[in-house]
Amino acid sequence: MNIKNLPKHVAIILDGNGRWAKRLHLPRSTGHYQGGFNVARIANHASKRGIEELTIYAFSTENWKRPKDEVDYLMTKPIEVVHANKEKIFEANIRIQFKGRRDRFSKELLALMEELESTTKVFDGMILNVCVDYGSYDEIVTAFKNLETLDEKSVCQKLMIPRPVDFLIRTGGEQRLSNFLLWQAAYAELYFTKKYWPAFKERHFDKALKEFSKRHRRFGGL
């Protein structure tokens, strides 16, 4: 695929894990499990396509309201899966960064997050921002609390993710931002697909990129 007009920063709202599982008469946990593996698949593909930064919405500040057994699964299963696949993760040459609050995670999960960040920070490949316990309201309020000068540039520098989003994709059929990167996505091109996240494959990502390449971004001008 030869596309000249590629976005530099792509963001994805990973929606539809539970509904994908329900449609196949499987537990919701299976949907989250397969969705986790799809993160690795799409991240590797995005990196090969030349995307400079990929930001994914993995767990929001509002997701704590979900049933306790589902939240417990989401806070523990990734630890097991990542430990079992560390070598493959590091071979991808992707810089992994976690964005969001860190005061509500277990010590074991925090230790794993810090290990992934410290090991991959020297890599020169694509940046992968994993947003966990993240909410854009919380991010913006925190940024304002830490401001010395109130202007656009200063706010951007205090955000967890400073770079503007070029292209925002949401899977699962819903058409809303759900408190994700509200500042950064101010001029993002939006793309909604009915494909549930576990079923969103490389070819679907390429289809989205082709759609982006056809759009003309004006940023308020002509």
Protein backbone atom coordinates (compact mmCIF):
# COMPACT_ATOMS: atom_id res chain seq x y z
CA MET A 1 0.00 0.00 0.00
CA ASN A 2 1.47 3.32 -1.09
CA ILE A 3 -0.19 6.24 0.66
CA LYS A 4 1.57 9.61 0.68
CA ASN A 5 -0.76 11.40 3.09
CA LEU A 6 -0.40 9.37 6.27
CA PRO A 7 -1.29 10.68 9.74
CA LYS A 8 1.62 11.08 12.12
CA HIS A 9 -0.41 10.56 15.31
CA VAL A 10 -3.28 8.05 15.32
CA ALA A 11 -5.58 7.47 18.30
CA ILE A 12 -7.93 4.50 18.70
CA ILE A 13 -10.86 3.99 21.06
CA LEU A 14 -10.87 0.22 21.58
CA ASP A 15 -14.59 -0.45 21.77
CA GLY A 16 -16.63 -3.62 21.44
CA ASN A 17 -14.65 -6.31 23.28
CA GLY A 18 -17.62 -7.40 25.39
CA ARG A 19 -20.14 -7.22 22.55
CA TRP A 20 -17.83 -9.22 20.30
CA ALA A 21 -17.64 -11.94 22.93
CA LYS A 22 -21.41 -11.89 23.54
CA ARG A 23 -22.08 -12.27 19.82
CA LEU A 24 -19.97 -15.43 19.85
CA HIS A 25 -21.59 -16.67 23.10
CA LEU A 26 -18.29 -16.26 24.96
CA PRO A 27 -17.51 -14.64 28.34
CA ARG A 28 -16.75 -10.90 28.26
CA SER A 29 -13.29 -11.74 29.60
CA THR A 30 -12.55 -13.58 26.35
CA GLY A 31 -13.31 -10.41 24.45
CA HIS A 32 -10.88 -8.43 26.59
CA TYR A 33 -8.26 -11.16 26.19
CA GLN A 34 -8.50 -11.15 22.40
CA GLY A 35 -8.68 -7.36 22.39
CA GLY A 36 -5.37 -7.24 24.23
CA PHE A 37 -3.66 -9.37 21.61
CA ASN A 38 -5.16 -7.17 18.91
CA VAL A 39 -3.41 -4.16 20.45
CA ALA A 40 -0.07 -5.83 19.77
CA ARG A 41 -1.13 -6.80 16.25
CA ILE A 42 -2.34 -3.35 15.23
CA ALA A 43 0.55 -1.56 16.96
CA ASN A 44 3.09 -3.63 15.03
CA HIS A 45 1.21 -3.00 11.79
CA ALA A 46 0.94 0.75 12.44
CA SER A 47 4.67 0.89 13.13
CA LYS A 48 5.43 -0.84 9.82
CA ARG A 49 3.13 1.61 8.02
CA GLY A 50 5.22 4.52 9.29
CA ILE A 51 2.88 5.90 11.94
CA GLU A 52 5.01 7.92 14.38
CA GLU A 53 2.71 7.79 17.41
CA LEU A 54 -0.25 5.57 18.30
CA THR A 55 -2.44 6.29 21.33
CA ILE A 56 -4.97 3.72 22.50
CA TYR A 57 -7.81 4.06 25.01
CA ALA A 58 -7.48 0.89 27.09
CA PHE A 59 -9.18 1.75 30.41
CA SER A 60 -10.92 4.99 31.33
CA THR A 61 -11.39 6.71 34.67
CA GLU A 62 -15.07 5.78 34.33
CA ASN A 63 -14.40 2.07 33.71
CA TRP A 64 -13.97 1.50 37.45
CA LYS A 65 -17.79 1.55 37.56
CA ARG A 66 -17.93 -1.81 35.75
CA PRO A 67 -18.62 -5.08 37.62
CA LYS A 68 -15.84 -5.93 40.09
CA ASP A 69 -15.00 -9.29 38.48
CA GLU A 70 -14.49 -7.61 35.10
CA VAL A 71 -12.32 -4.84 36.57
CA ASP A 72 -10.28 -7.41 38.52
CA TYR A 73 -9.69 -9.36 35.30
CA LEU A 74 -8.55 -6.23 33.47
CA MET A 75 -6.15 -5.35 36.30
CA THR A 76 -4.56 -8.83 36.57
CA LYS A 77 -4.73 -10.76 33.27
CA PRO A 78 -2.54 -8.31 31.32
CA ILE A 79 0.27 -8.88 33.85
CA GLU A 80 0.26 -12.60 33.06
CA VAL A 81 0.02 -12.08 29.30
CA VAL A 82 2.77 -9.44 29.12
CA HIS A 83 5.18 -11.52 31.22
CA ALA A 84 4.62 -14.45 28.85
CA ASN A 85 5.29 -12.32 25.76
CA LYS A 86 8.00 -9.87 26.84
CA GLU A 87 10.56 -10.95 24.23
CA LYS A 88 8.09 -10.44 21.38
CA ILE A 89 7.08 -7.06 22.79
CA PHE A 90 10.68 -5.85 22.97
CA GLU A 91 11.51 -7.20 19.50
CA ALA A 92 8.95 -4.81 18.00
CA ASN A 93 11.19 -1.78 18.78
CA ILE A 94 8.15 0.21 19.96
CA ARG A 95 8.46 2.79 22.74
CA ILE A 96 5.72 2.07 25.26
CA GLN A 97 4.37 4.82 27.52
CA PHE A 98 1.46 4.62 29.96
CA LYS A 99 -0.74 7.67 30.34
CA GLY A 100 -3.27 8.26 33.10
CA ARG A 101 -3.54 8.10 36.88
CA ARG A 102 -1.30 5.67 38.75
CA ASP A 103 -2.65 5.87 42.28
CA ARG A 104 -5.26 3.12 41.90
CA PHE A 105 -3.15 0.27 40.51
CA SER A 106 -1.55 -2.65 42.33
CA LYS A 107 2.19 -2.61 43.03
CA GLU A 108 2.63 -5.55 40.65
CA LEU A 109 0.91 -3.77 37.78
CA LEU A 110 2.83 -0.55 38.43
CA ALA A 111 6.12 -2.45 38.47
CA LEU A 112 5.32 -4.02 35.10
CA MET A 113 4.34 -0.67 33.58
CA GLU A 114 7.57 0.91 34.79
CA GLU A 115 9.62 -2.01 33.44
CA LEU A 116 8.06 -1.71 29.99
CA GLU A 117 8.63 2.04 29.92
CA SER A 118 12.23 1.92 31.14
CA THR A 119 13.22 -0.92 28.80
CA THR A 120 11.65 0.55 25.66
CA LYS A 121 12.51 4.23 26.19
CA VAL A 122 15.80 3.75 24.29
CA PHE A 123 14.00 2.24 21.27
CA ASP A 124 13.78 4.41 18.17
CA GLY A 125 10.54 3.05 16.75
CA MET A 126 6.94 4.21 16.98
CA ILE A 127 5.63 5.60 20.28
CA LEU A 128 2.73 3.63 21.75
CA ASN A 129 0.75 5.51 24.39
CA VAL A 130 -1.44 3.16 26.42
CA CYS A 131 -4.10 5.19 28.24
CA VAL A 132 -5.12 3.40 31.44
CA ASP A 133 -7.18 5.02 34.20
CA TYR A 134 -7.22 7.95 31.79
CA GLY A 135 -9.86 10.63 31.32
CA SER A 136 -9.46 13.81 29.32
CA TYR A 137 -11.29 15.93 31.92
CA ASP A 138 -8.85 14.72 34.57
CA GLU A 139 -5.88 15.33 32.26
CA ILE A 140 -6.93 18.90 31.44
CA VAL A 141 -7.79 19.82 35.04
CA THR A 142 -4.41 18.46 36.22
CA ALA A 143 -2.64 20.42 33.48
CA PHE A 144 -4.34 23.66 34.54
CA LYS A 145 -3.40 23.06 38.18
CA ASN A 146 0.27 22.88 37.18
CA LEU A 147 0.28 25.97 34.96
CA GLU A 148 2.42 29.01 35.63
CA THR A 149 1.32 30.82 32.47
CA LEU A 150 -2.13 30.43 30.96
CA ASP A 151 -1.78 30.09 27.20
CA GLU A 152 -2.25 27.34 24.60
CA LYS A 153 1.42 26.36 24.39
CA SER A 154 1.76 26.07 28.18
CA VAL A 155 -1.35 23.90 28.45
CA CYS A 156 -0.07 21.55 25.72
CA GLN A 157 3.24 21.14 27.53
CA LYS A 158 1.47 20.08 30.73
CA LEU A 159 -0.80 17.50 29.09
CA MET A 160 -0.01 13.79 29.44
CA ILE A 161 0.06 13.56 25.65
CA PRO A 162 1.30 16.86 24.14
CA ARG A 163 1.12 15.94 20.46
CA PRO A 164 -2.08 16.79 18.54
CA VAL A 165 -4.01 13.83 17.12
CA ASP A 166 -4.28 13.70 13.33
CA PHE A 167 -6.64 10.74 13.02
CA LEU A 168 -8.98 9.26 15.62
CA ILE A 169 -10.55 5.84 15.05
CA ARG A 170 -13.36 4.34 17.12
CA THR A 171 -14.38 0.71 16.69
CA GLY A 172 -17.62 -0.92 17.83
CA GLY A 173 -20.17 1.26 16.04
CA GLU A 174 -20.51 4.08 18.59
CA GLN A 175 -19.88 7.65 17.43
CA ARG A 176 -18.63 9.66 20.39
CA LEU A 177 -15.28 10.57 21.99
CA SER A 178 -16.07 9.31 25.51
CA ASN A 179 -13.76 11.73 27.32
CA PHE A 180 -10.71 10.74 25.22
CA LEU A 181 -8.07 13.27 24.11
CA LEU A 182 -10.56 16.14 23.93
CA TRP A 183 -7.83 18.80 23.68
CA GLN A 184 -5.53 16.85 21.38
CA ALA A 185 -8.35 15.82 19.01
CA ALA A 186 -9.64 19.34 18.44
CA TYR A 187 -8.72 19.14 14.73
CA ALA A 188 -8.47 15.38 14.34
CA GLU A 189 -10.14 13.61 11.46
CA LEU A 190 -12.69 11.14 12.89
CA TYR A 191 -13.37 7.62 11.64
CA PHE A 192 -16.06 5.30 13.02
CA THR A 193 -16.42 1.63 12.15
CA LYS A 194 -18.93 -1.01 13.24
CA LYS A 195 -16.14 -3.58 13.55
CA TYR A 196 -15.67 -4.66 17.15
CA TRP A 197 -12.11 -4.17 18.37
CA PRO A 198 -11.09 -7.88 18.44
CA ALA A 199 -12.29 -8.15 14.81
CA PHE A 200 -10.50 -4.98 13.65
CA LYS A 201 -7.63 -6.37 11.59
CA GLU A 202 -4.70 -4.93 9.67
CA ARG A 203 -6.78 -4.59 6.50
CA HIS A 204 -9.37 -2.55 8.38
CA PHE A 205 -6.62 -0.25 9.69
CA ASP A 206 -5.35 0.18 6.12
CA LYS A 207 -8.88 0.98 4.95
CA ALA A 208 -9.07 3.70 7.58
CA LEU A 209 -5.70 5.12 6.48
CA LYS A 210 -6.90 5.25 2.88
CA GLU A 211 -9.96 7.20 4.01
CA PHE A 212 -7.72 9.66 5.88
CA SER A 213 -5.52 10.12 2.81
CA LYS A 214 -8.52 11.37 0.81
CA ARG A 215 -9.46 14.09 3.28
CA HIS A 216 -8.35 17.71 3.06
CA ARG A 217 -7.55 19.21 6.45
CA ARG A 218 -8.18 22.96 6.55
CA PHE A 219 -7.69 23.81 10.26
CA GLY A 220 -10.24 26.59 9.96
CA GLY A 221 -8.82 27.94 6.71
CA LEU A 222 -9.70 27.31 3.04
